[in-house]
């Protein structure tokens, strides 16, 4: 008799495991409008920090200029904190907040 054909003589207990993945919290990186930096500097800084295309950086700059704030990216906390520091090093006003 093959192993697969052997009669079942007991019950097998199968434990269920939690297969949900815990995702790391994500944070919004927000650029705020200010009266200190010219538009070209803001665009160049966004290109440098986020590796954005010039057109996207210009759109973010205008959004911050017109509405007061622009969402630049959503990242893990560590990356968001780094990008915030990089923007602040460029003399831009930036904050992060949970998504």
C-alpha atoms as a PDB file:
ATOM      1  CA  UNK A   1       0.000   0.000   0.000  1.00  0.00           C
ATOM      2  CA  UNK A   2       1.406   3.405  -0.965  1.00  0.00           C
ATOM      3  CA  UNK A   3       1.740   6.159   1.608  1.00  0.00           C
ATOM      4  CA  UNK A   4      -1.061   8.138  -0.036  1.00  0.00           C
ATOM      5  CA  UNK A   5      -3.329   5.102   0.142  1.00  0.00           C
ATOM      6  CA  UNK A   6      -2.750   4.481   3.866  1.00  0.00           C
ATOM      7  CA  UNK A   7      -5.898   4.794   5.934  1.00  0.00           C
ATOM      8  CA  UNK A   8      -6.241   7.941   8.013  1.00  0.00           C
ATOM      9  CA  UNK A   9      -6.155   6.976  11.678  1.00  0.00           C
ATOM     10  CA  UNK A  10      -6.355  10.346  13.390  1.00  0.00           C
ATOM     11  CA  UNK A  11      -7.147  13.949  12.869  1.00  0.00           C
ATOM     12  CA  UNK A  12      -4.600  16.470  11.826  1.00  0.00           C
ATOM     13  CA  UNK A  13      -4.842  19.850  13.482  1.00  0.00           C
ATOM     14  CA  UNK A  14      -4.017  22.672  11.131  1.00  0.00           C
ATOM     15  CA  UNK A  15      -3.269  25.942  12.850  1.00  0.00           C
ATOM     16  CA  UNK A  16      -4.384  29.064  11.093  1.00  0.00           C
ATOM     17  CA  UNK A  17      -1.791  31.771  10.974  1.00  0.00           C
ATOM     18  CA  UNK A  18      -2.415  35.431  10.604  1.00  0.00           C
ATOM     19  CA  UNK A  19      -1.363  36.162   7.044  1.00  0.00           C
ATOM     20  CA  UNK A  20      -2.129  39.866   7.134  1.00  0.00           C
ATOM     21  CA  UNK A  21       0.897  41.931   6.407  1.00  0.00           C
ATOM     22  CA  UNK A  22       1.425  44.937   8.560  1.00  0.00           C
ATOM     23  CA  UNK A  23       2.252  47.871   6.388  1.00  0.00           C
ATOM     24  CA  UNK A  24       4.510  50.578   7.678  1.00  0.00           C
ATOM     25  CA  UNK A  25       2.655  53.829   8.310  1.00  0.00           C
ATOM     26  CA  UNK A  26       3.019  56.291   5.479  1.00  0.00           C
ATOM     27  CA  UNK A  27       3.468  60.036   5.769  1.00  0.00           C
ATOM     28  CA  UNK A  28       2.574  62.952   3.537  1.00  0.00           C
ATOM     29  CA  UNK A  29       5.389  65.342   2.697  1.00  0.00           C
ATOM     30  CA  UNK A  30       3.887  68.802   2.447  1.00  0.00           C
ATOM     31  CA  UNK A  31       5.450  71.897   0.930  1.00  0.00           C
ATOM     32  CA  UNK A  32       4.123  75.154   2.343  1.00  0.00           C
ATOM     33  CA  UNK A  33       4.033  78.511   0.622  1.00  0.00           C
ATOM     34  CA  UNK A  34       6.360  81.168   1.990  1.00  0.00           C
ATOM     35  CA  UNK A  35       7.291  84.741   1.172  1.00  0.00           C
ATOM     36  CA  UNK A  36      11.040  84.154   1.324  1.00  0.00           C
ATOM     37  CA  UNK A  37      11.910  81.966  -1.664  1.00  0.00           C
ATOM     38  CA  UNK A  38      11.524  82.773  -5.312  1.00  0.00           C
ATOM     39  CA  UNK A  39       9.691  80.369  -7.589  1.00  0.00           C
ATOM     40  CA  UNK A  40      12.786  79.223  -9.476  1.00  0.00           C
ATOM     41  CA  UNK A  41      14.503  78.247  -6.218  1.00  0.00           C
ATOM     42  CA  UNK A  42      11.458  76.219  -5.138  1.00  0.00           C
ATOM     43  CA  UNK A  43      11.310  74.384  -8.465  1.00  0.00           C
ATOM     44  CA  UNK A  44      15.040  73.614  -8.437  1.00  0.00           C
ATOM     45  CA  UNK A  45      14.827  72.376  -4.854  1.00  0.00           C
ATOM     46  CA  UNK A  46      11.921  70.042  -5.645  1.00  0.00           C
ATOM     47  CA  UNK A  47      13.795  68.648  -8.640  1.00  0.00           C
ATOM     48  CA  UNK A  48      16.869  68.076  -6.488  1.00  0.00           C
ATOM     49  CA  UNK A  49      15.138  66.563  -3.450  1.00  0.00           C
ATOM     50  CA  UNK A  50      12.486  64.443  -5.176  1.00  0.00           C
ATOM     51  CA  UNK A  51      14.100  63.909  -8.585  1.00  0.00           C
ATOM     52  CA  UNK A  52      10.936  65.343 -10.120  1.00  0.00           C
ATOM     53  CA  UNK A  53      10.617  66.364 -13.703  1.00  0.00           C
ATOM     54  CA  UNK A  54      10.624  70.141 -14.093  1.00  0.00           C
ATOM     55  CA  UNK A  55       6.955  70.226 -15.093  1.00  0.00           C
ATOM     56  CA  UNK A  56       5.847  68.324 -11.975  1.00  0.00           C
ATOM     57  CA  UNK A  57       8.023  70.516  -9.740  1.00  0.00           C
ATOM     58  CA  UNK A  58       6.491  73.624 -11.283  1.00  0.00           C
ATOM     59  CA  UNK A  59       2.971  72.256 -10.691  1.00  0.00           C
ATOM     60  CA  UNK A  60       3.782  71.573  -7.025  1.00  0.00           C
ATOM     61  CA  UNK A  61       5.247  75.050  -6.636  1.00  0.00           C
ATOM     62  CA  UNK A  62       2.111  76.651  -8.110  1.00  0.00           C
ATOM     63  CA  UNK A  63      -0.153  74.508  -5.960  1.00  0.00           C
ATOM     64  CA  UNK A  64       1.672  75.632  -2.804  1.00  0.00           C
ATOM     65  CA  UNK A  65       1.670  79.231  -4.031  1.00  0.00           C
ATOM     66  CA  UNK A  66      -2.069  79.301  -4.770  1.00  0.00           C
ATOM     67  CA  UNK A  67      -3.469  77.116  -1.977  1.00  0.00           C
ATOM     68  CA  UNK A  68      -0.815  77.478   0.705  1.00  0.00           C
ATOM     69  CA  UNK A  69       0.310  73.848   0.654  1.00  0.00           C
ATOM     70  CA  UNK A  70       1.177  71.116  -1.845  1.00  0.00           C
ATOM     71  CA  UNK A  71       1.435  67.374  -1.337  1.00  0.00           C
ATOM     72  CA  UNK A  72       4.813  66.366  -2.739  1.00  0.00           C
ATOM     73  CA  UNK A  73       4.919  62.641  -1.966  1.00  0.00           C
ATOM     74  CA  UNK A  74       3.741  59.955   0.428  1.00  0.00           C
ATOM     75  CA  UNK A  75       6.555  57.861   1.892  1.00  0.00           C
ATOM     76  CA  UNK A  76       7.536  55.787   4.903  1.00  0.00           C
ATOM     77  CA  UNK A  77       8.217  57.845   8.024  1.00  0.00           C
ATOM     78  CA  UNK A  78      11.989  57.614   7.683  1.00  0.00           C
ATOM     79  CA  UNK A  79      11.989  58.754   4.059  1.00  0.00           C
ATOM     80  CA  UNK A  80       9.445  61.490   4.796  1.00  0.00           C
ATOM     81  CA  UNK A  81      11.602  62.838   7.627  1.00  0.00           C
ATOM     82  CA  UNK A  82      14.661  62.819   5.372  1.00  0.00           C
ATOM     83  CA  UNK A  83      12.856  64.674   2.573  1.00  0.00           C
ATOM     84  CA  UNK A  84      11.503  67.217   5.068  1.00  0.00           C
ATOM     85  CA  UNK A  85      15.022  67.886   6.329  1.00  0.00           C
ATOM     86  CA  UNK A  86      16.316  68.203   2.763  1.00  0.00           C
ATOM     87  CA  UNK A  87      13.610  70.732   1.875  1.00  0.00           C
ATOM     88  CA  UNK A  88      14.305  72.677   5.059  1.00  0.00           C
ATOM     89  CA  UNK A  89      18.016  72.692   4.193  1.00  0.00           C
ATOM     90  CA  UNK A  90      16.967  74.455   0.968  1.00  0.00           C
ATOM     91  CA  UNK A  91      15.207  77.052   3.189  1.00  0.00           C
ATOM     92  CA  UNK A  92      11.765  75.750   2.197  1.00  0.00           C
ATOM     93  CA  UNK A  93       8.945  75.233   4.661  1.00  0.00           C
ATOM     94  CA  UNK A  94       7.913  71.586   4.787  1.00  0.00           C
ATOM     95  CA  UNK A  95       6.039  69.365   7.178  1.00  0.00           C
ATOM     96  CA  UNK A  96       5.068  65.709   7.355  1.00  0.00           C
ATOM     97  CA  UNK A  97       1.862  64.168   8.647  1.00  0.00           C
ATOM     98  CA  UNK A  98       0.403  60.663   8.723  1.00  0.00           C
ATOM     99  CA  UNK A  99      -1.537  59.633   5.656  1.00  0.00           C
END
